[in-house]
Amino acid sequence: MVSMKEAKTNQPVHELIKKRWSPRSFSSEKILKDDLKTLFEAMSWAASARNAQPWQIIVGSKDEGET
């Protein structure tokens, strides 16, 4: 059984949020450039406030030197 951490909050928070878990590790598996292009296309259609958000996306790869 996986132990669940629960956020300690000062105000009432929904249980789903309090028990949310986010791993802070990265896979060593490479992402294909075509898959990145697909993600960028999807991100370009994301909702924004009056379409005025200054979206900036920075992508780095371990095999491309210092990023």
PDB file of N, CA and C in Angstrom:
ATOM      1  N   MET A   1       0.838  -1.181   0.000  1.00  0.00           N
ATOM      2  CA  MET A   1       0.000   0.000   0.000  1.00  0.00           C
ATOM      3  C   MET A   1       0.884   1.246   0.000  1.00  0.00           C
ATOM      4  N   VAL A   2       0.549   2.205  -0.828  1.00  0.00           N
ATOM      5  CA  VAL A   2       1.284   3.456  -0.926  1.00  0.00           C
ATOM      6  C   VAL A   2       0.804   4.412   0.156  1.00  0.00           C
ATOM      7  N   SER A   3       1.751   4.976   0.902  1.00  0.00           N
ATOM      8  CA  SER A   3       1.336   5.935   1.927  1.00  0.00           C
ATOM      9  C   SER A   3       1.000   7.260   1.263  1.00  0.00           C
ATOM     10  N   MET A   4      -0.077   7.871   1.709  1.00  0.00           N
ATOM     11  CA  MET A   4      -0.523   9.134   1.133  1.00  0.00           C
ATOM     12  C   MET A   4      -0.114  10.279   2.041  1.00  0.00           C
ATOM     13  N   LYS A   5       0.511  11.269   1.470  1.00  0.00           N
ATOM     14  CA  LYS A   5       0.798  12.476   2.226  1.00  0.00           C
ATOM     15  C   LYS A   5      -0.398  13.396   2.059  1.00  0.00           C
ATOM     16  N   GLU A   6      -0.685  14.131   3.077  1.00  0.00           N
ATOM     17  CA  GLU A   6      -1.796  15.070   3.005  1.00  0.00           C
ATOM     18  C   GLU A   6      -1.273  16.454   3.351  1.00  0.00           C
ATOM     19  N   ALA A   7      -1.615  17.422   2.525  1.00  0.00           N
ATOM     20  CA  ALA A   7      -1.167  18.796   2.753  1.00  0.00           C
ATOM     21  C   ALA A   7      -1.771  19.345   4.036  1.00  0.00           C
ATOM     22  N   LYS A   8      -0.952  20.031   4.803  1.00  0.00           N
ATOM     23  CA  LYS A   8      -1.446  20.709   6.004  1.00  0.00           C
ATOM     24  C   LYS A   8      -1.857  22.111   5.585  1.00  0.00           C
ATOM     25  N   THR A   9      -3.113  22.427   5.730  1.00  0.00           N
ATOM     26  CA  THR A   9      -3.627  23.724   5.267  1.00  0.00           C
ATOM     27  C   THR A   9      -4.152  24.549   6.432  1.00  0.00           C
ATOM     28  N   ASN A  10      -4.104  25.851   6.264  1.00  0.00           N
ATOM     29  CA  ASN A  10      -4.628  26.770   7.276  1.00  0.00           C
ATOM     30  C   ASN A  10      -6.122  27.024   7.088  1.00  0.00           C
ATOM     31  N   GLN A  11      -6.605  26.797   5.887  1.00  0.00           N
ATOM     32  CA  GLN A  11      -8.009  27.000   5.554  1.00  0.00           C
ATOM     33  C   GLN A  11      -8.574  25.704   4.997  1.00  0.00           C
ATOM     34  N   PRO A  12      -9.895  25.532   5.021  1.00  0.00           N
ATOM     35  CA  PRO A  12     -10.498  24.318   4.473  1.00  0.00           C
ATOM     36  C   PRO A  12     -10.191  24.180   2.979  1.00  0.00           C
ATOM     37  N   VAL A  13      -9.742  23.009   2.594  1.00  0.00           N
ATOM     38  CA  VAL A  13      -9.407  22.719   1.195  1.00  0.00           C
ATOM     39  C   VAL A  13     -10.021  21.371   0.837  1.00  0.00           C
ATOM     40  N   HIS A  14     -10.517  21.250  -0.376  1.00  0.00           N
ATOM     41  CA  HIS A  14     -11.135  20.002  -0.838  1.00  0.00           C
ATOM     42  C   HIS A  14     -10.157  18.841  -0.667  1.00  0.00           C
ATOM     43  N   GLU A  15     -10.663  17.691  -0.271  1.00  0.00           N
ATOM     44  CA  GLU A  15      -9.825  16.515  -0.004  1.00  0.00           C
ATOM     45  C   GLU A  15      -8.985  16.105  -1.218  1.00  0.00           C
ATOM     46  N   LEU A  16      -9.551  16.214  -2.426  1.00  0.00           N
ATOM     47  CA  LEU A  16      -8.786  15.839  -3.617  1.00  0.00           C
ATOM     48  C   LEU A  16      -7.535  16.696  -3.764  1.00  0.00           C
ATOM     49  N   ILE A  17      -7.637  17.950  -3.399  1.00  0.00           N
ATOM     50  CA  ILE A  17      -6.485  18.844  -3.491  1.00  0.00           C
ATOM     51  C   ILE A  17      -5.497  18.546  -2.371  1.00  0.00           C
ATOM     52  N   LYS A  18      -6.010  18.322  -1.178  1.00  0.00           N
ATOM     53  CA  LYS A  18      -5.132  18.041  -0.042  1.00  0.00           C
ATOM     54  C   LYS A  18      -4.327  16.759  -0.246  1.00  0.00           C
ATOM     55  N   LYS A  19      -4.914  15.796  -0.944  1.00  0.00           N
ATOM     56  CA  LYS A  19      -4.242  14.507  -1.125  1.00  0.00           C
ATOM     57  C   LYS A  19      -3.562  14.373  -2.484  1.00  0.00           C
ATOM     58  N   ARG A  20      -3.501  15.461  -3.242  1.00  0.00           N
ATOM     59  CA  ARG A  20      -2.857  15.437  -4.554  1.00  0.00           C
ATOM     60  C   ARG A  20      -1.383  15.123  -4.380  1.00  0.00           C
ATOM     61  N   TRP A  21      -0.849  14.313  -5.279  1.00  0.00           N
ATOM     62  CA  TRP A  21       0.552  13.947  -5.227  1.00  0.00           C
ATOM     63  C   TRP A  21       1.193  14.241  -6.572  1.00  0.00           C
ATOM     64  N   SER A  22       2.331  14.858  -6.551  1.00  0.00           N
ATOM     65  CA  SER A  22       3.036  15.183  -7.779  1.00  0.00           C
ATOM     66  C   SER A  22       4.488  14.736  -7.647  1.00  0.00           C
ATOM     67  N   PRO A  23       4.905  13.765  -8.446  1.00  0.00           N
ATOM     68  CA  PRO A  23       6.294  13.318  -8.364  1.00  0.00           C
ATOM     69  C   PRO A  23       7.226  14.409  -8.890  1.00  0.00           C
ATOM     70  N   ARG A  24       8.348  14.526  -8.286  1.00  0.00           N
ATOM     71  CA  ARG A  24       9.325  15.525  -8.739  1.00  0.00           C
ATOM     72  C   ARG A  24      10.545  14.815  -9.293  1.00  0.00           C
ATOM     73  N   SER A  25      10.304  14.042 -10.289  1.00  0.00           N
ATOM     74  CA  SER A  25      11.390  13.346 -10.967  1.00  0.00           C
ATOM     75  C   SER A  25      11.068  13.306 -12.446  1.00  0.00           C
ATOM     76  N   PHE A  26      12.077  13.065 -13.235  1.00  0.00           N
ATOM     77  CA  PHE A  26      11.918  13.070 -14.673  1.00  0.00           C
ATOM     78  C   PHE A  26      12.326  11.722 -15.239  1.00  0.00           C
ATOM     79  N   SER A  27      11.679  11.331 -16.303  1.00  0.00           N
ATOM     80  CA  SER A  27      12.012  10.093 -16.983  1.00  0.00           C
ATOM     81  C   SER A  27      13.260  10.322 -17.827  1.00  0.00           C
ATOM     82  N   SER A  28      14.057   9.283 -17.980  1.00  0.00           N
ATOM     83  CA  SER A  28      15.232   9.382 -18.848  1.00  0.00           C
ATOM     84  C   SER A  28      14.853   9.104 -20.306  1.00  0.00           C
ATOM     85  N   GLU A  29      13.592   8.767 -20.532  1.00  0.00           N
ATOM     86  CA  GLU A  29      13.125   8.469 -21.886  1.00  0.00           C
ATOM     87  C   GLU A  29      13.034   9.751 -22.703  1.00  0.00           C
ATOM     88  N   LYS A  30      13.581   9.721 -23.923  1.00  0.00           N
ATOM     89  CA  LYS A  30      13.536  10.898 -24.796  1.00  0.00           C
ATOM     90  C   LYS A  30      12.133  11.117 -25.346  1.00  0.00           C
ATOM     91  N   ILE A  31      11.805  12.373 -25.556  1.00  0.00           N
ATOM     92  CA  ILE A  31      10.544  12.729 -26.207  1.00  0.00           C
ATOM     93  C   ILE A  31      10.861  13.005 -27.671  1.00  0.00           C
ATOM     94  N   LEU A  32      10.129  12.370 -28.552  1.00  0.00           N
ATOM     95  CA  LEU A  32      10.366  12.546 -29.986  1.00  0.00           C
ATOM     96  C   LEU A  32      10.005  13.970 -30.411  1.00  0.00           C
ATOM     97  N   LYS A  33      10.762  14.517 -31.364  1.00  0.00           N
ATOM     98  CA  LYS A  33      10.502  15.883 -31.827  1.00  0.00           C
ATOM     99  C   LYS A  33       9.093  16.026 -32.396  1.00  0.00           C
ATOM    100  N   ASP A  34       8.592  15.001 -33.068  1.00  0.00           N
ATOM    101  CA  ASP A  34       7.226  15.068 -33.596  1.00  0.00           C
ATOM    102  C   ASP A  34       6.202  15.153 -32.457  1.00  0.00           C
ATOM    103  N   ASP A  35       6.479  14.459 -31.353  1.00  0.00           N
ATOM    104  CA  ASP A  35       5.582  14.538 -30.197  1.00  0.00           C
ATOM    105  C   ASP A  35       5.632  15.938 -29.585  1.00  0.00           C
ATOM    106  N   LEU A  36       6.821  16.540 -29.520  1.00  0.00           N
ATOM    107  CA  LEU A  36       6.933  17.911 -29.013  1.00  0.00           C
ATOM    108  C   LEU A  36       6.151  18.880 -29.894  1.00  0.00           C
ATOM    109  N   LYS A  37       6.256  18.712 -31.209  1.00  0.00           N
ATOM    110  CA  LYS A  37       5.523  19.585 -32.129  1.00  0.00           C
ATOM    111  C   LYS A  37       4.019  19.473 -31.895  1.00  0.00           C
ATOM    112  N   THR A  38       3.550  18.249 -31.643  1.00  0.00           N
ATOM    113  CA  THR A  38       2.132  18.042 -31.364  1.00  0.00           C
ATOM    114  C   THR A  38       1.735  18.751 -30.073  1.00  0.00           C
ATOM    115  N   LEU A  39       2.573  18.644 -29.030  1.00  0.00           N
ATOM    116  CA  LEU A  39       2.297  19.330 -27.766  1.00  0.00           C
ATOM    117  C   LEU A  39       2.263  20.846 -27.958  1.00  0.00           C
ATOM    118  N   PHE A  40       3.207  21.377 -28.717  1.00  0.00           N
ATOM    119  CA  PHE A  40       3.249  22.824 -28.953  1.00  0.00           C
ATOM    120  C   PHE A  40       2.015  23.299 -29.708  1.00  0.00           C
ATOM    121  N   GLU A  41       1.554  22.506 -30.650  1.00  0.00           N
ATOM    122  CA  GLU A  41       0.333  22.863 -31.384  1.00  0.00           C
ATOM    123  C   GLU A  41      -0.852  22.909 -30.425  1.00  0.00           C
ATOM    124  N   ALA A  42      -0.953  21.911 -29.556  1.00  0.00           N
ATOM    125  CA  ALA A  42      -2.045  21.892 -28.584  1.00  0.00           C
ATOM    126  C   ALA A  42      -1.941  23.083 -27.635  1.00  0.00           C
ATOM    127  N   MET A  43      -0.732  23.411 -27.193  1.00  0.00           N
ATOM    128  CA  MET A  43      -0.557  24.544 -26.284  1.00  0.00           C
ATOM    129  C   MET A  43      -0.937  25.859 -26.950  1.00  0.00           C
ATOM    130  N   SER A  44      -0.727  25.954 -28.244  1.00  0.00           N
ATOM    131  CA  SER A  44      -1.038  27.205 -28.937  1.00  0.00           C
ATOM    132  C   SER A  44      -2.544  27.481 -28.949  1.00  0.00           C
ATOM    133  N   TRP A  45      -3.342  26.445 -28.715  1.00  0.00           N
ATOM    134  CA  TRP A  45      -4.790  26.598 -28.690  1.00  0.00           C
ATOM    135  C   TRP A  45      -5.352  26.702 -27.276  1.00  0.00           C
ATOM    136  N   ALA A  46      -4.462  26.790 -26.284  1.00  0.00           N
ATOM    137  CA  ALA A  46      -4.918  26.882 -24.891  1.00  0.00           C
ATOM    138  C   ALA A  46      -5.616  28.213 -24.660  1.00  0.00           C
ATOM    139  N   ALA A  47      -6.599  28.182 -23.788  1.00  0.00           N
ATOM    140  CA  ALA A  47      -7.340  29.402 -23.479  1.00  0.00           C
ATOM    141  C   ALA A  47      -6.436  30.421 -22.788  1.00  0.00           C
ATOM    142  N   SER A  48      -6.701  31.693 -23.056  1.00  0.00           N
ATOM    143  CA  SER A  48      -5.970  32.770 -22.388  1.00  0.00           C
ATOM    144  C   SER A  48      -6.917  33.954 -22.234  1.00  0.00           C
ATOM    145  N   ALA A  49      -6.523  34.896 -21.411  1.00  0.00           N
ATOM    146  CA  ALA A  49      -7.355  36.077 -21.181  1.00  0.00           C
ATOM    147  C   ALA A  49      -7.308  36.982 -22.411  1.00  0.00           C
ATOM    148  N   ARG A  50      -8.391  36.990 -23.146  1.00  0.00           N
ATOM    149  CA  ARG A  50      -8.510  37.803 -24.365  1.00  0.00           C
ATOM    150  C   ARG A  50      -7.394  37.523 -25.366  1.00  0.00           C
ATOM    151  N   ASN A  51      -6.862  36.318 -25.310  1.00  0.00           N
ATOM    152  CA  ASN A  51      -5.793  35.897 -26.208  1.00  0.00           C
ATOM    153  C   ASN A  51      -4.581  36.828 -26.105  1.00  0.00           C
ATOM    154  N   ALA A  52      -4.340  37.338 -24.914  1.00  0.00           N
ATOM    155  CA  ALA A  52      -3.266  38.318 -24.727  1.00  0.00           C
ATOM    156  C   ALA A  52      -2.140  37.807 -23.825  1.00  0.00           C
ATOM    157  N   GLN A  53      -2.136  36.525 -23.504  1.00  0.00           N
ATOM    158  CA  GLN A  53      -1.073  36.010 -22.652  1.00  0.00           C
ATOM    159  C   GLN A  53       0.235  35.940 -23.441  1.00  0.00           C
ATOM    160  N   PRO A  54       1.323  36.387 -22.832  1.00  0.00           N
ATOM    161  CA  PRO A  54       2.620  36.340 -23.538  1.00  0.00           C
ATOM    162  C   PRO A  54       3.262  34.960 -23.382  1.00  0.00           C
ATOM    163  N   TRP A  55       2.718  33.958 -24.064  1.00  0.00           N
ATOM    164  CA  TRP A  55       3.235  32.605 -23.930  1.00  0.00           C
ATOM    165  C   TRP A  55       4.694  32.549 -24.336  1.00  0.00           C
ATOM    166  N   GLN A  56       5.499  31.906 -23.533  1.00  0.00           N
ATOM    167  CA  GLN A  56       6.898  31.647 -23.859  1.00  0.00           C
ATOM    168  C   GLN A  56       7.192  30.212 -23.453  1.00  0.00           C
ATOM    169  N   ILE A  57       7.745  29.452 -24.371  1.00  0.00           N
ATOM    170  CA  ILE A  57       8.044  28.055 -24.106  1.00  0.00           C
ATOM    171  C   ILE A  57       9.526  27.846 -24.365  1.00  0.00           C
ATOM    172  N   ILE A  58      10.200  27.286 -23.384  1.00  0.00           N
ATOM    173  CA  ILE A  58      11.620  26.998 -23.521  1.00  0.00           C
ATOM    174  C   ILE A  58      11.801  25.495 -23.371  1.00  0.00           C
ATOM    175  N   VAL A  59      12.477  24.892 -24.328  1.00  0.00           N
ATOM    176  CA  VAL A  59      12.699  23.455 -24.308  1.00  0.00           C
ATOM    177  C   VAL A  59      14.198  23.207 -24.353  1.00  0.00           C
ATOM    178  N   GLY A  60      14.655  22.337 -23.496  1.00  0.00           N
ATOM    179  CA  GLY A  60      16.061  21.962 -23.491  1.00  0.00           C
ATOM    180  C   GLY A  60      16.187  20.456 -23.522  1.00  0.00           C
ATOM    181  N   SER A  61      17.280  19.997 -24.062  1.00  0.00           N
ATOM    182  CA  SER A  61      17.540  18.564 -24.141  1.00  0.00           C
ATOM    183  C   SER A  61      18.941  18.292 -23.620  1.00  0.00           C
ATOM    184  N   LYS A  62      19.098  17.231 -22.858  1.00  0.00           N
ATOM    185  CA  LYS A  62      20.409  16.884 -22.313  1.00  0.00           C
ATOM    186  C   LYS A  62      21.445  16.645 -23.399  1.00  0.00           C
ATOM    187  N   ASP A  63      21.005  16.142 -24.553  1.00  0.00           N
ATOM    188  CA  ASP A  63      21.972  15.829 -25.604  1.00  0.00           C
ATOM    189  C   ASP A  63      22.298  17.034 -26.498  1.00  0.00           C
ATOM    190  N   GLU A  64      21.786  18.206 -26.160  1.00  0.00           N
ATOM    191  CA  GLU A  64      22.071  19.411 -26.955  1.00  0.00           C
ATOM    192  C   GLU A  64      22.970  20.386 -26.205  1.00  0.00           C
ATOM    193  N   GLY A  65      23.772  19.881 -25.285  1.00  0.00           N
ATOM    194  CA  GLY A  65      24.675  20.752 -24.540  1.00  0.00           C
ATOM    195  C   GLY A  65      23.970  21.477 -23.432  1.00  0.00           C
ATOM    196  N   GLU A  66      24.559  22.591 -22.996  1.00  0.00           N
ATOM    197  CA  GLU A  66      23.975  23.357 -21.895  1.00  0.00           C
ATOM    198  C   GLU A  66      22.686  24.027 -22.332  1.00  0.00           C
ATOM    199  N   THR A  67      21.617  23.784 -21.577  1.00  0.00           N
ATOM    200  CA  THR A  67      20.328  24.382 -21.907  1.00  0.00           C
ATOM    201  C   THR A  67      19.770  25.116 -20.704  1.00  0.00           C
TER     202      THR A  67
END
